Amino acid sequence: MPDPTVTVQGTPHLYGISGGVGVIADCTVISFDLDSEHANKGETVDEIGNLIEERYDDLTSTGTITLRPRAAFTPLTLGGAYTYNTVAFTVISEGRKEQQKGFISLTYKIKKSEFITPA
């Protein structure tokens, strides 16, 4: 008969279906993806339509960060700030994945605009 005691090796994360964990103080970053582009672009063309000037302002970065929560992790607040690698982002949306025999993962869409400081 197998031993029903669970053996945990390494860092314990939330496992399986949580049954409604609302307060899930720690997590592990599983993935981080970031793309940057200028949100404000302008160009000038001459009288025959040749491009003679381009201007790029408001460098904006958008992406996702996937976290694996440990017990007592507090989910990020939508519209709030989250700092990763000393850069503050605004949290835009949240996705949650729970499955039997799998670790819980939270994926957040994040955004940083050049002229906005997330608070």
Protein backbone atom coordinates (compact mmCIF):
# COMPACT_ATOMS: atom_id res chain seq x y z
CA MET A 1 0.00 0.00 0.00
CA PRO A 2 1.55 3.38 -0.98
CA ASP A 3 2.36 5.90 1.73
CA PRO A 4 -0.27 8.71 1.57
CA THR A 5 2.22 11.26 2.89
CA VAL A 6 3.18 13.86 0.30
CA THR A 7 6.91 14.44 -0.04
CA VAL A 8 7.87 17.94 -1.13
CA GLN A 9 11.33 18.52 -2.56
CA GLY A 10 12.49 21.97 -3.55
CA THR A 11 10.29 25.07 -3.32
CA PRO A 12 6.64 24.31 -2.57
CA HIS A 13 4.16 26.00 -4.90
CA LEU A 14 0.40 25.75 -5.02
CA TYR A 15 -0.52 22.48 -6.67
CA GLY A 16 -3.76 21.19 -8.11
CA ILE A 17 -7.10 22.94 -8.05
CA SER A 18 -7.10 25.44 -5.21
CA GLY A 19 -10.77 25.42 -4.39
CA GLY A 20 -11.05 29.21 -4.45
CA VAL A 21 -7.81 30.49 -2.97
CA GLY A 22 -8.29 34.25 -2.66
CA VAL A 23 -5.07 35.06 -0.90
CA ILE A 24 -2.61 32.83 -2.53
CA ALA A 25 3.59 36.62 -0.07
CA ASP A 26 5.75 34.81 -2.66
CA CYS A 27 5.94 33.50 -6.18
CA THR A 28 8.36 32.31 -8.82
CA VAL A 29 8.59 34.02 -12.21
CA ILE A 30 8.09 31.31 -14.83
CA SER A 31 8.24 33.48 -17.94
CA PHE A 32 8.58 37.13 -18.90
CA ASP A 33 7.89 38.44 -22.41
CA LEU A 34 8.13 42.09 -23.39
CA ASP A 35 7.73 43.95 -26.67
CA SER A 36 8.40 47.67 -27.12
CA GLU A 37 7.23 50.12 -29.75
CA HIS A 38 6.49 53.81 -30.06
CA ALA A 39 2.85 54.63 -29.38
CA ASN A 40 3.09 58.05 -31.02
CA LYS A 41 4.48 58.02 -34.55
CA GLY A 42 4.57 60.87 -37.02
CA GLU A 43 5.90 61.36 -40.51
CA THR A 44 6.20 64.11 -43.08
CA VAL A 45 6.04 63.63 -46.82
CA ASP A 46 6.88 66.15 -49.51
CA GLU A 47 4.53 67.38 -52.24
CA ILE A 48 4.94 64.22 -54.32
CA GLY A 49 4.57 61.80 -51.41
CA ASN A 50 8.21 60.96 -50.60
CA LEU A 51 8.86 60.33 -46.93
CA ILE A 52 11.27 62.99 -45.68
CA GLU A 53 10.88 62.80 -41.90
CA GLU A 54 9.86 60.33 -39.21
CA ARG A 55 9.34 60.95 -35.53
CA TYR A 56 8.86 58.38 -32.77
CA ASP A 57 7.67 59.28 -29.27
CA ASP A 58 6.22 57.59 -26.21
CA LEU A 59 8.13 54.31 -26.10
CA THR A 60 5.59 51.81 -24.76
CA SER A 61 6.34 48.29 -23.59
CA THR A 62 3.68 45.59 -23.34
CA GLY A 63 3.98 41.94 -22.48
CA THR A 64 3.18 39.15 -20.08
CA ILE A 65 4.62 37.78 -16.89
CA THR A 66 3.69 34.31 -15.67
CA LEU A 67 4.01 33.58 -11.97
CA ARG A 68 3.82 30.34 -10.03
CA PRO A 69 2.42 31.27 -6.60
CA ARG A 70 3.52 29.82 -3.29
CA ALA A 71 1.22 29.63 -0.29
CA ALA A 72 0.25 33.13 0.92
CA PHE A 73 0.89 34.87 -2.43
CA THR A 74 -1.31 37.93 -2.85
CA PRO A 75 -2.49 38.28 -6.46
CA LEU A 76 -1.51 41.47 -8.28
CA THR A 77 -4.11 44.23 -8.44
CA LEU A 78 -5.50 45.06 -11.87
CA GLY A 79 -4.59 48.64 -12.70
CA GLY A 80 -1.92 48.59 -9.99
CA ALA A 81 1.85 48.67 -10.28
CA TYR A 82 4.19 45.67 -10.28
CA THR A 83 7.99 45.97 -10.34
CA TYR A 84 10.16 43.36 -12.04
CA ASN A 85 13.91 43.84 -12.56
CA THR A 86 13.59 47.41 -11.18
CA VAL A 87 11.07 48.42 -13.88
CA ALA A 88 7.52 49.31 -12.79
CA PHE A 89 4.66 48.14 -14.98
CA THR A 90 0.89 48.61 -14.83
CA VAL A 91 -1.07 45.37 -14.56
CA ILE A 92 -3.66 45.29 -17.38
CA SER A 93 -5.28 41.86 -17.05
CA GLU A 94 -4.96 38.51 -15.29
CA GLY A 95 -5.31 34.92 -16.44
CA ARG A 96 -5.36 31.95 -14.08
CA LYS A 97 -4.64 28.32 -14.87
CA GLU A 98 -5.43 25.53 -12.43
CA GLN A 99 -5.51 21.87 -13.23
CA GLN A 100 -5.52 18.58 -11.44
CA LYS A 101 -1.98 17.25 -10.97
CA GLY A 102 -0.48 20.57 -12.04
CA PHE A 103 0.86 23.74 -10.46
CA ILE A 104 -1.26 26.88 -10.43
CA SER A 105 -0.03 29.60 -12.80
CA LEU A 106 -1.08 33.24 -13.01
CA THR A 107 -0.37 35.19 -16.21
CA TYR A 108 -0.58 38.96 -16.16
CA LYS A 109 -0.59 41.33 -19.12
CA ILE A 110 1.59 44.32 -18.26
CA LYS A 111 2.28 47.72 -19.82
CA LYS A 112 4.76 50.56 -19.35
CA SER A 113 4.45 53.90 -21.11
CA GLU A 114 7.40 56.30 -21.35
CA PHE A 115 5.56 59.22 -19.74
CA ILE A 116 3.49 57.39 -17.10
CA THR A 117 4.94 56.25 -13.79
CA PRO A 118 2.86 53.35 -12.40
CA ALA A 119 1.77 53.89 -8.81
